[in-house]
Amino acid sequence: MRDSRELKIYRKKEWNSKNLVVFLILLLGSFVLLTPLWWMISTSLKSTQEILQFPPSFFPKQFHFSNYIEAWKTGDFTRWSMNTLLIAVASTVGNVLINSFVAYGFAKVRFKGRNALFVLVLSTMIIPGFVTLIPQYILFSKLGWVNTYLPLIVPAFLGSAFNIFLIRQFMMTVPNEIIEAAFMDGASHFRIWWSIVMPLVKPALLTVGIFSFTGAWNDLLTPLLYLSDEKLYTLQLGLQTFKGSVQTQWNYLMAMSVMVLIPIILIFFLFQSYFIKGANLSAGMKE
């Protein structure tokens, strides 16, 4: 009896020591990952003189919150914010609707060559995005879409292999009996997709929505390629206004970078539970 008690105490101490080691490793990892974020926030609150001093200070000696106001006034950031929000929302809607509809076809509609077509769709994921940049630019140029938002929005309505795969995996867990019962009641595929399947796969849809919104919000390359009118700029292009040929206004640049980052952080914390569920690629594949 005494030996079993001592064994339990030993195992408890061993478990506590393991937890402590894991905690310290995670704490160290968090510190490494959060250091650049803190440096950005710290720089945004410093004066130009303090930024240029050596050795650099980890904490601002004096907090200059006015940097945020001055940085916002430097460019047309109100307009650029609205432009970015328009593109991000439109891209998110397109990705969620189109990819979920295609995923429903692959998950719940039986047709000849379905699996082969699905493999073909997935195979497009191995093509690097940079390979298609020039052909895509030539196509949009021929269509007269350069210096418009169409090249930034329309591709979201053409489907994405990864998003289709992610939503399809989740839709495979929806029982076929529900689909068959809806058919017996006279529902069409479109009605079943919209009214029955979509609410059941909400975590996957929110995950795709988060990926799409953050991707469009943080995109620099595509606006840089297609937008030349300053009135059409996005926030990422607007941040370039703080970079001069002689000197970069680092405090203003970091201040606006923090402002641009805040919506992404809020979205993640608001929907993180759905994000974790939707990103579960090991969902069942039962039919």
Protein backbone atom coordinates (compact mmCIF):
# COMPACT_ATOMS: atom_id res chain seq x y z
CA MET A 1 0.00 0.00 0.00
CA ARG A 2 2.81 2.34 0.95
CA ASP A 3 4.73 1.50 -2.25
CA SER A 4 1.70 2.32 -4.42
CA ARG A 5 1.26 5.65 -2.62
CA GLU A 6 4.93 6.55 -3.13
CA LEU A 7 4.65 5.55 -6.79
CA LYS A 8 1.67 7.90 -7.26
CA ILE A 9 3.54 10.76 -5.59
CA TYR A 10 6.58 10.10 -7.79
CA ARG A 11 4.49 10.02 -10.96
CA LYS A 12 2.75 13.25 -9.94
CA LYS A 13 6.09 15.00 -9.39
CA GLU A 14 7.37 13.65 -12.70
CA TRP A 15 4.23 14.91 -14.48
CA ASN A 16 4.58 18.34 -12.85
CA SER A 17 8.22 18.57 -13.89
CA LYS A 18 7.31 17.65 -17.47
CA ASN A 19 4.60 20.31 -17.48
CA LEU A 20 7.08 22.86 -16.19
CA VAL A 21 9.55 22.04 -18.98
CA VAL A 22 6.80 22.29 -21.62
CA PHE A 23 5.61 25.58 -20.12
CA LEU A 24 9.11 27.06 -20.22
CA ILE A 25 9.62 25.96 -23.84
CA LEU A 26 6.29 27.50 -24.86
CA LEU A 27 7.11 30.66 -22.93
CA LEU A 28 10.46 30.96 -24.71
CA GLY A 29 8.83 30.32 -28.08
CA SER A 30 6.15 32.95 -27.37
CA PHE A 31 8.82 35.47 -26.43
CA VAL A 32 10.72 34.83 -29.68
CA LEU A 33 7.56 35.16 -31.77
CA LEU A 34 6.24 38.26 -29.98
CA THR A 35 9.53 40.17 -29.94
CA PRO A 36 9.15 41.52 -33.53
CA LEU A 37 5.58 42.58 -32.71
CA TRP A 38 6.72 44.43 -29.59
CA TRP A 39 9.59 46.04 -31.52
CA MET A 40 7.09 47.33 -34.09
CA ILE A 41 4.84 48.77 -31.36
CA SER A 42 7.81 50.22 -29.50
CA THR A 43 9.19 51.87 -32.64
CA SER A 44 5.79 53.36 -33.43
CA LEU A 45 5.89 55.25 -30.12
CA LYS A 46 9.43 56.62 -30.43
CA SER A 47 10.70 59.88 -31.80
CA THR A 48 12.90 59.93 -34.91
CA GLN A 49 15.97 60.78 -32.81
CA GLU A 50 15.41 57.85 -30.47
CA ILE A 51 14.96 55.43 -33.36
CA LEU A 52 18.33 56.42 -34.85
CA GLN A 53 20.28 56.24 -31.62
CA PHE A 54 22.73 53.40 -30.93
CA PRO A 55 22.43 51.09 -29.09
CA PRO A 56 18.67 50.94 -29.70
CA SER A 57 16.32 51.02 -26.73
CA PHE A 58 13.84 48.20 -26.18
CA PHE A 59 11.33 50.53 -24.48
CA PRO A 60 10.51 54.09 -25.60
CA LYS A 61 11.94 56.72 -23.27
CA GLN A 62 8.97 58.91 -24.07
CA PHE A 63 5.70 57.72 -25.59
CA HIS A 64 4.74 59.65 -28.74
CA PHE A 65 1.12 58.61 -29.36
CA SER A 66 0.85 61.54 -31.75
CA ASN A 67 2.79 59.41 -34.27
CA TYR A 68 -0.42 57.54 -35.04
CA ILE A 69 -2.36 60.73 -35.76
CA GLU A 70 0.44 62.28 -37.80
CA ALA A 71 0.96 59.06 -39.77
CA TRP A 72 -2.75 58.84 -40.60
CA LYS A 73 -2.72 62.43 -41.87
CA THR A 74 0.39 61.88 -44.01
CA GLY A 75 -1.50 59.97 -46.69
CA ASP A 76 -5.10 59.38 -47.69
CA PHE A 77 -5.42 56.45 -45.28
CA THR A 78 -9.18 56.82 -44.84
CA ARG A 79 -9.74 56.23 -48.55
CA TRP A 80 -7.12 53.49 -48.68
CA SER A 81 -8.77 51.72 -45.72
CA MET A 82 -12.13 51.74 -47.50
CA ASN A 83 -10.50 50.46 -50.69
CA THR A 84 -8.84 47.60 -48.81
CA LEU A 85 -12.03 46.75 -46.94
CA LEU A 86 -14.00 46.64 -50.22
CA ILE A 87 -11.50 44.28 -51.84
CA ALA A 88 -11.19 42.07 -48.73
CA VAL A 89 -14.97 41.73 -48.24
CA ALA A 90 -15.64 41.05 -51.94
CA SER A 91 -12.85 38.44 -52.07
CA THR A 92 -14.13 36.77 -48.92
CA VAL A 93 -17.70 36.54 -50.24
CA GLY A 94 -16.48 35.13 -53.55
CA ASN A 95 -14.22 32.55 -51.94
CA VAL A 96 -16.84 31.35 -49.46
CA LEU A 97 -19.72 31.08 -51.95
CA ILE A 98 -17.95 29.66 -55.00
CA ASN A 99 -15.64 27.25 -53.18
CA SER A 100 -18.43 25.91 -50.98
CA PHE A 101 -20.66 25.32 -54.02
CA VAL A 102 -17.92 23.45 -55.89
CA ALA A 103 -17.04 21.52 -52.73
CA TYR A 104 -20.69 20.47 -52.36
CA GLY A 105 -20.57 19.03 -55.88
CA PHE A 106 -17.46 17.00 -55.10
CA ALA A 107 -18.74 15.87 -51.70
CA LYS A 108 -22.43 15.08 -52.25
CA VAL A 109 -23.19 14.91 -55.98
CA ARG A 110 -22.40 11.62 -57.70
CA PHE A 111 -21.31 11.94 -61.33
CA LYS A 112 -18.95 10.10 -63.65
CA GLY A 113 -15.30 11.09 -63.28
CA ARG A 114 -15.87 12.95 -60.02
CA ASN A 115 -12.77 11.62 -58.28
CA ALA A 116 -10.55 12.14 -61.34
CA LEU A 117 -11.78 15.72 -61.68
CA PHE A 118 -11.19 16.34 -57.97
CA VAL A 119 -7.60 15.06 -58.28
CA LEU A 120 -7.13 17.36 -61.27
CA VAL A 121 -8.34 20.32 -59.20
CA LEU A 122 -5.98 19.42 -56.35
CA SER A 123 -3.07 19.08 -58.78
CA THR A 124 -3.29 22.82 -59.49
CA MET A 125 -1.97 23.41 -55.96
CA ILE A 126 1.51 22.33 -57.06
CA ILE A 127 1.71 25.21 -59.58
CA PRO A 128 3.55 28.15 -57.97
CA GLY A 129 1.58 31.39 -58.05
CA PHE A 130 4.52 33.31 -59.49
CA VAL A 131 4.41 31.13 -62.63
CA THR A 132 0.97 32.48 -63.55
CA LEU A 133 1.71 36.15 -62.80
CA ILE A 134 2.79 37.14 -66.33
CA PRO A 135 0.05 35.22 -68.25
CA GLN A 136 -2.52 36.57 -65.79
CA TYR A 137 -1.28 40.14 -66.22
CA ILE A 138 -1.39 39.83 -70.03
CA LEU A 139 -4.95 38.47 -69.85
CA PHE A 140 -6.21 41.22 -67.55
CA SER A 141 -4.38 43.82 -69.63
CA LYS A 142 -6.13 42.60 -72.80
CA LEU A 143 -9.47 42.83 -70.96
CA GLY A 144 -8.69 46.41 -69.92
CA TRP A 145 -8.78 45.60 -66.22
CA VAL A 146 -5.43 47.18 -65.31
CA ASN A 147 -5.77 50.02 -62.77
CA THR A 148 -9.13 48.63 -61.59
CA TYR A 149 -10.14 46.38 -58.71
CA LEU A 150 -11.31 43.57 -61.01
CA PRO A 151 -7.96 41.66 -61.07
CA LEU A 152 -8.00 41.74 -57.26
CA ILE A 153 -11.61 40.55 -56.86
CA VAL A 154 -12.59 38.39 -59.85
CA PRO A 155 -10.04 35.55 -59.17
CA ALA A 156 -11.77 34.98 -55.81
CA PHE A 157 -14.93 34.03 -57.75
CA LEU A 158 -13.07 31.44 -59.86
CA GLY A 159 -12.35 28.97 -57.06
CA SER A 160 -9.33 27.87 -55.05
CA ALA A 161 -8.14 24.26 -54.87
CA PHE A 162 -7.12 24.46 -51.21
CA ASN A 163 -10.39 26.06 -50.11
CA ILE A 164 -12.42 23.54 -52.11
CA PHE A 165 -10.50 20.71 -50.47
CA LEU A 166 -10.93 22.18 -46.99
CA ILE A 167 -14.70 22.66 -47.30
CA ARG A 168 -15.19 19.31 -49.06
CA GLN A 169 -13.50 17.48 -46.20
CA PHE A 170 -15.96 19.04 -43.80
CA MET A 171 -18.97 18.38 -46.04
CA MET A 172 -18.09 14.68 -46.20
CA THR A 173 -19.10 14.44 -42.53
CA VAL A 174 -22.67 15.55 -43.31
CA PRO A 175 -24.85 12.38 -43.32
CA ASN A 176 -26.19 11.42 -46.74
CA GLU A 177 -29.55 10.63 -45.13
CA ILE A 178 -30.14 14.37 -44.67
CA ILE A 179 -29.49 15.00 -48.37
CA GLU A 180 -31.76 12.12 -49.42
CA ALA A 181 -34.55 13.31 -47.13
CA ALA A 182 -34.31 16.79 -48.64
CA PHE A 183 -34.55 15.30 -52.14
CA MET A 184 -37.67 13.38 -51.15
CA ASP A 185 -39.19 16.67 -50.01
CA GLY A 186 -38.54 18.14 -53.45
CA ALA A 187 -35.48 20.26 -52.66
CA SER A 188 -32.98 20.99 -55.43
CA HIS A 189 -29.20 20.75 -55.10
CA PHE A 190 -29.00 24.52 -54.84
CA ARG A 191 -31.57 24.59 -52.02
CA ILE A 192 -29.84 21.74 -50.18
CA TRP A 193 -26.44 23.47 -50.49
CA TRP A 194 -27.73 26.83 -49.29
CA SER A 195 -30.29 25.88 -46.64
CA ILE A 196 -28.98 22.58 -45.23
CA VAL A 197 -25.29 22.00 -45.90
CA MET A 198 -23.99 25.57 -45.51
CA PRO A 199 -25.21 25.98 -41.89
CA LEU A 200 -23.75 22.57 -40.98
CA VAL A 201 -20.25 23.43 -42.22
CA LYS A 202 -20.05 26.90 -40.69
CA PRO A 203 -16.61 26.31 -39.05
CA ALA A 204 -15.05 25.45 -42.43
CA LEU A 205 -16.71 28.46 -44.08
CA LEU A 206 -15.43 30.78 -41.36
CA THR A 207 -11.94 29.34 -41.74
CA VAL A 208 -11.99 29.98 -45.48
CA GLY A 209 -13.41 33.43 -44.78
CA ILE A 210 -10.57 34.24 -42.35
CA PHE A 211 -7.94 32.99 -44.82
CA SER A 212 -9.50 34.99 -47.65
CA PHE A 213 -9.95 38.21 -45.68
CA THR A 214 -6.43 38.20 -44.22
CA GLY A 215 -4.93 37.28 -47.59
CA ALA A 216 -6.69 40.16 -49.37
CA TRP A 217 -6.07 42.59 -46.48
CA ASN A 218 -2.33 41.88 -46.41
CA ASP A 219 -1.81 41.50 -50.16
CA LEU A 220 0.87 43.78 -51.55
CA LEU A 221 1.99 42.12 -54.78
CA THR A 222 -1.34 42.12 -56.66
CA PRO A 223 -2.23 45.78 -55.96
CA LEU A 224 1.37 46.71 -56.77
CA LEU A 225 1.02 45.05 -60.19
CA TYR A 226 -2.37 46.38 -61.21
CA LEU A 227 -2.97 49.69 -59.40
CA SER A 228 -1.22 52.90 -60.43
CA ASP A 229 -3.79 55.53 -59.42
CA GLU A 230 -3.11 56.70 -55.87
CA LYS A 231 -6.85 57.03 -55.21
CA LEU A 232 -7.19 53.26 -55.76
CA TYR A 233 -4.33 52.32 -53.42
CA THR A 234 -4.77 49.74 -50.68
CA LEU A 235 -3.28 50.07 -47.20
CA GLN A 236 -0.28 47.94 -48.11
CA LEU A 237 0.56 50.28 -50.98
CA GLY A 238 -0.14 53.27 -48.78
CA LEU A 239 2.50 52.12 -46.30
CA GLN A 240 5.10 52.60 -49.03
CA THR A 241 4.53 56.37 -48.84
CA PHE A 242 6.69 56.45 -45.69
CA LYS A 243 9.67 55.02 -47.58
CA GLY A 244 11.65 57.78 -49.26
CA SER A 245 14.74 57.59 -51.47
CA VAL A 246 16.82 59.25 -48.74
CA GLN A 247 15.13 58.47 -45.42
CA THR A 248 12.34 56.22 -44.14
CA GLN A 249 9.94 57.52 -41.49
CA TRP A 250 10.15 54.41 -39.35
CA ASN A 251 7.96 55.67 -36.50
CA TYR A 252 5.12 56.56 -38.89
CA LEU A 253 5.59 53.34 -40.87
CA MET A 254 5.44 51.20 -37.72
CA ALA A 255 2.46 53.17 -36.37
CA MET A 256 0.40 52.50 -39.49
CA SER A 257 1.61 48.89 -39.59
CA VAL A 258 0.15 48.43 -36.10
CA MET A 259 -3.13 50.00 -37.25
CA VAL A 260 -3.27 47.67 -40.26
CA LEU A 261 -2.57 44.65 -38.05
CA ILE A 262 -5.32 45.35 -35.47
CA PRO A 263 -8.31 44.15 -37.60
CA ILE A 264 -6.55 40.85 -38.37
CA ILE A 265 -5.85 40.22 -34.69
CA LEU A 266 -9.44 41.03 -33.72
CA ILE A 267 -10.84 38.69 -36.39
CA PHE A 268 -8.66 35.83 -35.24
CA PHE A 269 -9.55 36.21 -31.55
CA LEU A 270 -13.27 36.55 -32.30
CA PHE A 271 -13.43 33.45 -34.49
CA GLN A 272 -10.54 31.32 -33.20
CA SER A 273 -12.81 28.51 -31.93
CA TYR A 274 -14.42 28.14 -35.36
CA PHE A 275 -11.02 28.48 -37.01
CA ILE A 276 -9.60 25.53 -35.05
CA LYS A 277 -12.61 23.35 -35.89
CA GLY A 278 -12.63 24.30 -39.55
CA ALA A 279 -8.90 23.75 -40.00
CA ASN A 280 -9.27 20.12 -38.91
CA LEU A 281 -8.29 18.38 -42.14
CA SER A 282 -8.67 14.95 -40.53
CA ALA A 283 -12.45 15.17 -40.68
CA GLY A 284 -14.22 11.94 -41.56
CA MET A 285 -14.80 11.01 -45.16
CA LYS A 286 -17.93 8.91 -44.92
CA GLU A 287 -20.49 8.59 -47.66
